[in-house]
Amino acid sequence: MKKLSAFFIMFIAIIWFATGMATADSSHKAGEKTHAQPSDKMNHAATTDKFEHQVVDKQIRAEFQIMSLASMNMKDPDGASHHVMVKLYDNSGNQPVKEAVGKIKVVGPEKSEQINTLKDYTGILAANFTFNKKGKYGVICLMKINGEKHIFKFWYPHQ
């Protein structure tokens, strides 16, 4: 229980600190590397319904995918519009990470905040969010993998 409380307190502290990243005015364009992470890669699919992004932190590669629920023929009971998925890999052996827990915080263009716990769908961690305005959304993901904390941050340009 102490570990969970400490993790939650650390998560809140990092989110508070990282909010500056999501609310700061950034001049980088979509597709360019961000300065927040040492290894950052974006891939915008042909449709605006799918967005892919990779970030590496301490030998853990996080592959994010954001899709509209409508494009997946899904509806959220709480009214969320998008599904954020992440697959984790240990870069030292390029092996999938099997046990991880975490949360994602999304900061909207109007500075609204949403936080969701990631659910494990057999190797894919996911949570639903509402992207109801066009603009850049700051995505901050805090993970705990094998007792080590990892943070992955990037911008999602919602069209």
Protein backbone atom coordinates (compact mmCIF):
# COMPACT_ATOMS: atom_id res chain seq x y z
CA MET A 1 0.00 0.00 0.00
CA LYS A 2 2.90 2.34 0.78
CA LYS A 3 4.36 1.71 -2.68
CA LEU A 4 1.03 2.51 -4.32
CA SER A 5 0.67 5.72 -2.28
CA ALA A 6 4.23 6.75 -3.10
CA PHE A 7 3.60 6.01 -6.79
CA PHE A 8 0.43 8.10 -6.75
CA ILE A 9 2.15 11.03 -5.00
CA MET A 10 5.05 10.85 -7.48
CA PHE A 11 2.56 10.70 -10.35
CA ILE A 12 0.79 13.85 -9.16
CA ALA A 13 4.13 15.65 -8.66
CA ILE A 14 5.32 14.73 -12.14
CA ILE A 15 2.00 15.70 -13.69
CA TRP A 16 2.13 19.05 -11.92
CA PHE A 17 5.67 19.61 -13.16
CA ALA A 18 4.94 18.25 -16.63
CA THR A 19 1.89 20.47 -17.09
CA GLY A 20 4.36 23.17 -18.05
CA MET A 21 5.32 21.00 -21.03
CA ALA A 22 1.73 20.68 -22.16
CA THR A 23 0.81 24.32 -21.65
CA ALA A 24 3.99 25.94 -22.92
CA ASP A 25 3.91 27.49 -26.37
CA SER A 26 5.90 25.22 -28.65
CA SER A 27 7.02 26.24 -32.09
CA HIS A 28 7.81 22.76 -33.43
CA LYS A 29 5.72 21.46 -36.29
CA ALA A 30 4.08 18.06 -36.52
CA GLY A 31 6.58 15.47 -37.64
CA GLU A 32 9.63 17.18 -36.12
CA LYS A 33 11.41 15.81 -33.09
CA THR A 34 10.35 17.29 -29.79
CA HIS A 35 12.94 18.31 -27.24
CA ALA A 36 11.15 16.53 -24.39
CA GLN A 37 12.52 13.06 -25.10
CA PRO A 38 15.82 11.80 -26.46
CA SER A 39 14.12 9.53 -28.99
CA ASP A 40 10.85 10.63 -30.52
CA LYS A 41 9.13 9.51 -33.73
CA MET A 42 5.77 10.47 -35.26
CA ASN A 43 3.79 8.85 -38.05
CA HIS A 44 0.54 10.39 -39.22
CA ALA A 45 -1.58 7.83 -41.02
CA ALA A 46 -3.32 8.68 -44.27
CA THR A 47 -6.59 9.26 -42.43
CA THR A 48 -7.05 11.71 -39.61
CA ASP A 49 -8.63 8.93 -37.52
CA LYS A 50 -5.27 7.35 -36.62
CA PHE A 51 -2.14 8.85 -35.06
CA GLU A 52 1.02 6.91 -34.17
CA HIS A 53 3.93 8.05 -32.03
CA GLN A 54 6.98 6.39 -30.44
CA VAL A 55 8.96 7.59 -27.43
CA VAL A 56 11.92 5.91 -25.70
CA ASP A 57 12.74 6.40 -22.02
CA LYS A 58 15.47 4.43 -20.21
CA GLN A 59 15.55 1.57 -22.75
CA ILE A 60 11.73 1.25 -22.77
CA ARG A 61 10.05 2.05 -26.10
CA ALA A 62 6.43 3.13 -25.94
CA GLU A 63 4.45 2.89 -29.17
CA PHE A 64 1.33 5.03 -28.91
CA GLN A 65 -1.67 4.95 -31.19
CA ILE A 66 -4.62 7.34 -30.96
CA MET A 67 -7.80 6.53 -32.87
CA SER A 68 -11.29 7.88 -32.85
CA LEU A 69 -13.77 5.49 -31.30
CA ALA A 70 -16.10 6.13 -34.23
CA SER A 71 -13.47 4.83 -36.68
CA MET A 72 -13.33 1.65 -34.57
CA ASN A 73 -17.15 1.37 -34.57
CA MET A 74 -17.12 1.78 -30.79
CA LYS A 75 -18.92 4.02 -28.32
CA ASP A 76 -17.84 4.97 -24.84
CA PRO A 77 -20.53 4.92 -22.14
CA ASP A 78 -19.05 8.11 -20.67
CA GLY A 79 -18.99 9.92 -24.03
CA ALA A 80 -15.23 9.77 -24.75
CA SER A 81 -14.31 10.28 -28.40
CA HIS A 82 -10.85 8.69 -28.71
CA HIS A 83 -8.95 5.57 -27.68
CA VAL A 84 -5.28 5.96 -26.63
CA MET A 85 -3.31 2.71 -26.84
CA VAL A 86 0.29 1.99 -25.90
CA LYS A 87 2.52 -1.05 -26.44
CA LEU A 88 5.74 -1.25 -24.45
CA TYR A 89 9.02 -2.87 -25.50
CA ASP A 90 12.34 -3.40 -23.76
CA ASN A 91 14.80 -2.01 -26.32
CA SER A 92 17.73 -3.98 -24.91
CA GLY A 93 16.25 -7.18 -26.35
CA ASN A 94 13.34 -5.75 -28.35
CA GLN A 95 10.98 -7.83 -26.18
CA PRO A 96 7.43 -6.81 -25.28
CA VAL A 97 6.97 -5.63 -21.69
CA LYS A 98 4.42 -7.90 -20.07
CA GLU A 99 3.76 -6.21 -16.73
CA ALA A 100 3.28 -2.47 -16.44
CA VAL A 101 0.90 -0.09 -14.71
CA GLY A 102 0.32 3.53 -15.46
CA LYS A 103 -1.81 6.55 -16.08
CA ILE A 104 -2.18 9.03 -18.89
CA LYS A 105 -2.92 12.70 -18.52
CA VAL A 106 -4.16 14.70 -21.51
CA VAL A 107 -4.05 18.51 -21.45
CA GLY A 108 -6.32 20.08 -24.06
CA PRO A 109 -5.69 23.21 -26.13
CA GLU A 110 -7.97 25.14 -23.76
CA LYS A 111 -5.93 23.82 -20.74
CA SER A 112 -8.54 21.27 -19.65
CA GLU A 113 -7.12 18.11 -18.07
CA GLN A 114 -8.20 14.47 -18.21
CA ILE A 115 -6.50 11.62 -16.32
CA ASN A 116 -7.21 7.93 -16.86
CA THR A 117 -5.69 4.72 -15.60
CA LEU A 118 -4.44 2.45 -18.35
CA LYS A 119 -6.23 -0.90 -18.63
CA ASP A 120 -4.31 -3.96 -19.80
CA TYR A 121 -5.82 -5.65 -22.85
CA THR A 122 -3.32 -8.51 -23.10
CA GLY A 123 -0.18 -6.56 -23.94
CA ILE A 124 -1.87 -3.38 -25.09
CA LEU A 125 -2.57 -0.74 -22.46
CA ALA A 126 -5.39 1.65 -23.27
CA ALA A 127 -7.71 4.39 -22.01
CA ASN A 128 -10.43 6.57 -23.54
CA PHE A 129 -10.38 10.37 -23.70
CA THR A 130 -12.46 13.19 -25.14
CA PHE A 131 -10.87 15.37 -27.81
CA ASN A 132 -13.70 17.78 -28.52
CA LYS A 133 -11.72 20.77 -29.86
CA LYS A 134 -9.19 21.04 -32.65
CA GLY A 135 -5.64 21.83 -31.60
CA LYS A 136 -2.62 20.38 -29.84
CA TYR A 137 -3.16 18.07 -26.87
CA GLY A 138 -0.30 17.34 -24.49
CA VAL A 139 -0.13 13.62 -23.70
CA ILE A 140 1.81 12.64 -20.59
CA CYS A 141 2.09 8.97 -19.71
CA LEU A 142 3.61 7.82 -16.41
CA MET A 143 4.40 4.11 -16.23
CA LYS A 144 5.85 1.79 -13.62
CA ILE A 145 7.70 -1.16 -15.16
CA ASN A 146 9.62 -3.66 -13.03
CA GLY A 147 9.70 -1.16 -10.16
CA GLU A 148 11.15 1.64 -12.33
CA LYS A 149 9.25 4.80 -13.28
CA HIS A 150 9.09 5.99 -16.88
CA ILE A 151 7.54 9.09 -18.36
CA PHE A 152 6.57 9.50 -22.00
CA LYS A 153 5.41 12.88 -23.34
CA PHE A 154 4.34 14.11 -26.76
CA TRP A 155 1.91 16.37 -28.59
CA TYR A 156 -1.18 15.01 -30.32
CA PRO A 157 -2.37 17.38 -33.08
CA HIS A 158 -6.13 16.78 -33.17
CA GLN A 159 -7.56 17.86 -36.52
